[in-house]
Amino acid sequence: MVYSALSHLMLVHCKSFFNLFLQKPLEALYPQAKVQGVGILVRVPLASRLLSGKFKANSQFESDDYRNFNRDGKAFNIV
C-alpha cells in the first residue's frame, strides 16, 4: 500500500518496519522514496528488543508473548 501511495500522493514521510531481520522494505521502498523525496521513519529498529543484547538463544517468553511467533526465524525476510 505504501509503495502505490508514493506514486499517487504528495507524501512527506512514510513509516516502515526495518531492522536486521526485516530488510526487504529497504530494497522495495527506499529507491522510490528517494526519487519522490519522501523520508522514511523506521519502525521497530530493535525488533521488539530482540536486537537489544538482553536476550540469548535460550531466552524464554510468556506463552502469549508475540515474540514467540517466530522462534525458528522463518518469518524473517533478510535480503
N, C-alpha and C. Protein backbone atom coordinates (compact mmCIF):
# COMPACT_ATOMS: atom_id res chain seq x y z
N MET A 1 0.82 -1.19 0.00
CA MET A 1 0.00 0.00 0.00
C MET A 1 0.87 1.25 0.00
N VAL A 2 1.90 1.27 0.81
CA VAL A 2 2.78 2.44 0.86
C VAL A 2 3.44 2.66 -0.49
N TYR A 3 3.81 1.57 -1.16
CA TYR A 3 4.51 1.69 -2.43
C TYR A 3 3.65 2.38 -3.48
N SER A 4 2.37 2.03 -3.55
CA SER A 4 1.50 2.69 -4.52
C SER A 4 1.18 4.12 -4.10
N ALA A 5 1.11 4.36 -2.80
CA ALA A 5 0.84 5.72 -2.32
C ALA A 5 1.96 6.68 -2.70
N LEU A 6 3.18 6.18 -2.73
CA LEU A 6 4.31 7.04 -3.09
C LEU A 6 4.15 7.65 -4.48
N SER A 7 3.55 6.91 -5.39
CA SER A 7 3.43 7.42 -6.75
C SER A 7 2.17 8.24 -6.98
N HIS A 8 1.25 8.26 -6.03
CA HIS A 8 -0.02 8.96 -6.23
C HIS A 8 -0.28 10.12 -5.28
N LEU A 9 0.38 10.14 -4.15
CA LEU A 9 0.10 11.16 -3.14
C LEU A 9 1.30 12.07 -2.94
N MET A 10 1.05 13.23 -2.37
CA MET A 10 2.12 14.16 -2.02
C MET A 10 2.55 13.87 -0.58
N LEU A 11 3.32 12.81 -0.39
CA LEU A 11 3.76 12.42 0.95
C LEU A 11 5.02 13.16 1.34
N VAL A 12 5.17 13.40 2.62
CA VAL A 12 6.38 13.99 3.18
C VAL A 12 7.24 12.89 3.80
N HIS A 13 6.56 11.91 4.44
CA HIS A 13 7.27 10.78 5.02
C HIS A 13 6.34 9.58 5.09
N CYS A 14 6.91 8.41 5.28
CA CYS A 14 6.12 7.20 5.49
C CYS A 14 6.83 6.37 6.56
N LYS A 15 6.10 5.45 7.18
CA LYS A 15 6.67 4.59 8.21
C LYS A 15 6.79 3.17 7.66
N SER A 16 7.86 2.50 8.03
CA SER A 16 8.05 1.12 7.60
C SER A 16 8.84 0.36 8.65
N PHE A 17 8.53 -0.93 8.80
CA PHE A 17 9.34 -1.79 9.65
C PHE A 17 10.70 -1.94 8.98
N PHE A 18 11.76 -1.88 9.75
CA PHE A 18 13.09 -2.14 9.23
C PHE A 18 14.04 -2.42 10.38
N ASN A 19 14.76 -3.52 10.30
CA ASN A 19 15.81 -3.87 11.25
C ASN A 19 16.67 -4.96 10.63
N LEU A 20 17.59 -5.52 11.37
CA LEU A 20 18.46 -6.55 10.81
C LEU A 20 17.70 -7.78 10.33
N PHE A 21 16.53 -8.04 10.89
CA PHE A 21 15.74 -9.20 10.49
C PHE A 21 14.83 -8.89 9.30
N LEU A 22 14.32 -7.70 9.24
CA LEU A 22 13.35 -7.31 8.21
C LEU A 22 13.96 -6.23 7.32
N GLN A 23 14.59 -6.65 6.24
CA GLN A 23 15.30 -5.70 5.39
C GLN A 23 14.64 -5.49 4.03
N LYS A 24 13.65 -6.29 3.67
CA LYS A 24 13.02 -6.12 2.36
C LYS A 24 12.38 -4.76 2.15
N PRO A 25 11.84 -4.12 3.19
CA PRO A 25 11.30 -2.77 2.95
C PRO A 25 12.35 -1.83 2.37
N LEU A 26 13.60 -2.03 2.71
CA LEU A 26 14.66 -1.17 2.20
C LEU A 26 14.79 -1.30 0.69
N GLU A 27 14.85 -2.52 0.19
CA GLU A 27 15.03 -2.71 -1.25
C GLU A 27 13.79 -2.31 -2.04
N ALA A 28 12.62 -2.45 -1.45
CA ALA A 28 11.39 -2.13 -2.16
C ALA A 28 10.98 -0.66 -2.02
N LEU A 29 11.18 -0.10 -0.85
CA LEU A 29 10.66 1.23 -0.56
C LEU A 29 11.67 2.35 -0.77
N TYR A 30 12.91 2.14 -0.37
CA TYR A 30 13.90 3.22 -0.38
C TYR A 30 14.12 3.85 -1.75
N PRO A 31 14.31 3.07 -2.82
CA PRO A 31 14.56 3.72 -4.12
C PRO A 31 13.44 4.67 -4.55
N GLN A 32 12.20 4.24 -4.38
CA GLN A 32 11.08 5.09 -4.78
C GLN A 32 10.95 6.30 -3.86
N ALA A 33 11.15 6.10 -2.57
CA ALA A 33 11.08 7.22 -1.62
C ALA A 33 12.16 8.25 -1.95
N LYS A 34 13.33 7.79 -2.32
CA LYS A 34 14.42 8.71 -2.67
C LYS A 34 14.06 9.53 -3.90
N VAL A 35 13.52 8.89 -4.92
CA VAL A 35 13.10 9.59 -6.15
C VAL A 35 12.05 10.64 -5.84
N GLN A 36 11.10 10.30 -4.97
CA GLN A 36 10.00 11.19 -4.63
C GLN A 36 10.38 12.23 -3.57
N GLY A 37 11.55 12.08 -2.95
CA GLY A 37 11.95 12.99 -1.88
C GLY A 37 11.17 12.78 -0.60
N VAL A 38 10.77 11.54 -0.35
CA VAL A 38 9.96 11.19 0.81
C VAL A 38 10.86 10.58 1.88
N GLY A 39 10.75 11.05 3.12
CA GLY A 39 11.51 10.49 4.23
C GLY A 39 10.89 9.20 4.72
N ILE A 40 11.70 8.35 5.31
CA ILE A 40 11.23 7.08 5.85
C ILE A 40 11.48 7.06 7.35
N LEU A 41 10.42 6.87 8.12
CA LEU A 41 10.53 6.70 9.57
C LEU A 41 10.59 5.21 9.85
N VAL A 42 11.68 4.76 10.43
CA VAL A 42 11.87 3.34 10.68
C VAL A 42 11.13 2.93 11.95
N ARG A 43 10.34 1.86 11.83
CA ARG A 43 9.61 1.32 12.97
C ARG A 43 10.29 0.04 13.45
N VAL A 44 10.31 -0.16 14.73
CA VAL A 44 10.81 -1.37 15.38
C VAL A 44 12.26 -1.68 14.98
N PRO A 45 13.17 -0.69 15.10
CA PRO A 45 14.56 -0.92 14.70
C PRO A 45 15.29 -1.96 15.55
N LEU A 46 14.83 -2.18 16.77
CA LEU A 46 15.46 -3.20 17.63
C LEU A 46 14.67 -4.50 17.65
N ALA A 47 13.77 -4.67 16.69
CA ALA A 47 12.99 -5.91 16.56
C ALA A 47 12.34 -6.29 17.88
N SER A 48 11.58 -5.36 18.43
CA SER A 48 10.87 -5.59 19.70
C SER A 48 11.82 -6.06 20.80
N ARG A 49 12.96 -5.41 20.87
CA ARG A 49 14.01 -5.66 21.87
C ARG A 49 14.81 -6.93 21.62
N LEU A 50 14.52 -7.70 20.56
CA LEU A 50 15.30 -8.90 20.29
C LEU A 50 16.73 -8.56 19.91
N LEU A 51 16.97 -7.36 19.37
CA LEU A 51 18.31 -6.93 19.00
C LEU A 51 18.96 -6.03 20.05
N SER A 52 18.39 -5.98 21.24
CA SER A 52 18.90 -5.10 22.30
C SER A 52 20.11 -5.67 23.03
N GLY A 53 20.41 -6.93 22.81
CA GLY A 53 21.51 -7.58 23.52
C GLY A 53 21.11 -8.15 24.87
N LYS A 54 19.83 -8.05 25.21
CA LYS A 54 19.37 -8.52 26.51
C LYS A 54 18.87 -9.96 26.48
N PHE A 55 18.73 -10.54 25.30
CA PHE A 55 18.20 -11.90 25.18
C PHE A 55 19.23 -12.83 24.58
N LYS A 56 19.17 -14.08 24.97
CA LYS A 56 20.03 -15.14 24.44
C LYS A 56 19.17 -16.11 23.64
N ALA A 57 19.79 -17.04 22.93
CA ALA A 57 19.04 -18.01 22.13
C ALA A 57 18.09 -18.84 22.99
N ASN A 58 18.44 -19.05 24.25
CA ASN A 58 17.58 -19.85 25.13
C ASN A 58 16.64 -19.01 25.99
N SER A 59 16.53 -17.72 25.74
CA SER A 59 15.61 -16.86 26.50
C SER A 59 14.18 -17.35 26.31
N GLN A 60 13.42 -17.30 27.39
CA GLN A 60 12.03 -17.75 27.36
C GLN A 60 11.10 -16.55 27.52
N PHE A 61 10.01 -16.56 26.77
CA PHE A 61 8.97 -15.54 26.88
C PHE A 61 7.69 -16.21 27.36
N GLU A 62 6.80 -15.42 27.90
CA GLU A 62 5.49 -15.95 28.29
C GLU A 62 4.81 -16.56 27.07
N SER A 63 3.93 -17.52 27.28
CA SER A 63 3.30 -18.22 26.15
C SER A 63 2.49 -17.29 25.25
N ASP A 64 1.96 -16.19 25.78
CA ASP A 64 1.18 -15.28 24.97
C ASP A 64 2.00 -14.09 24.44
N ASP A 65 3.31 -14.11 24.65
CA ASP A 65 4.19 -13.03 24.16
C ASP A 65 4.35 -13.16 22.65
N TYR A 66 4.13 -12.08 21.93
CA TYR A 66 4.18 -12.11 20.47
C TYR A 66 5.56 -12.45 19.92
N ARG A 67 6.60 -12.35 20.73
CA ARG A 67 7.95 -12.69 20.25
C ARG A 67 8.14 -14.19 20.10
N ASN A 68 7.20 -14.99 20.56
CA ASN A 68 7.26 -16.45 20.39
C ASN A 68 6.88 -16.89 18.98
N PHE A 69 6.22 -16.05 18.22
CA PHE A 69 5.67 -16.47 16.93
C PHE A 69 6.74 -16.90 15.94
N ASN A 70 7.95 -16.44 16.10
CA ASN A 70 8.98 -16.69 15.09
C ASN A 70 10.27 -17.22 15.73
N ARG A 71 10.14 -18.16 16.63
CA ARG A 71 11.31 -18.67 17.35
C ARG A 71 12.35 -19.28 16.41
N ASP A 72 11.93 -19.86 15.30
CA ASP A 72 12.89 -20.50 14.39
C ASP A 72 13.44 -19.55 13.33
N GLY A 73 12.90 -18.32 13.27
CA GLY A 73 13.43 -17.31 12.34
C GLY A 73 12.90 -17.38 10.92
N LYS A 74 11.98 -18.29 10.63
CA LYS A 74 11.49 -18.44 9.25
C LYS A 74 10.75 -17.22 8.73
N ALA A 75 10.17 -16.42 9.62
CA ALA A 75 9.41 -15.24 9.18
C ALA A 75 10.31 -14.05 8.87
N PHE A 76 11.59 -14.13 9.18
CA PHE A 76 12.49 -13.02 8.87
C PHE A 76 12.76 -13.00 7.38
N ASN A 77 12.73 -11.82 6.80
CA ASN A 77 12.97 -11.71 5.36
C ASN A 77 14.25 -10.93 5.09
N ILE A 78 15.34 -11.50 5.51
CA ILE A 78 16.64 -10.85 5.34
C ILE A 78 17.02 -10.87 3.87
N VAL A 79 17.47 -9.72 3.39
CA VAL A 79 17.87 -9.59 1.99
C VAL A 79 19.13 -10.37 1.75
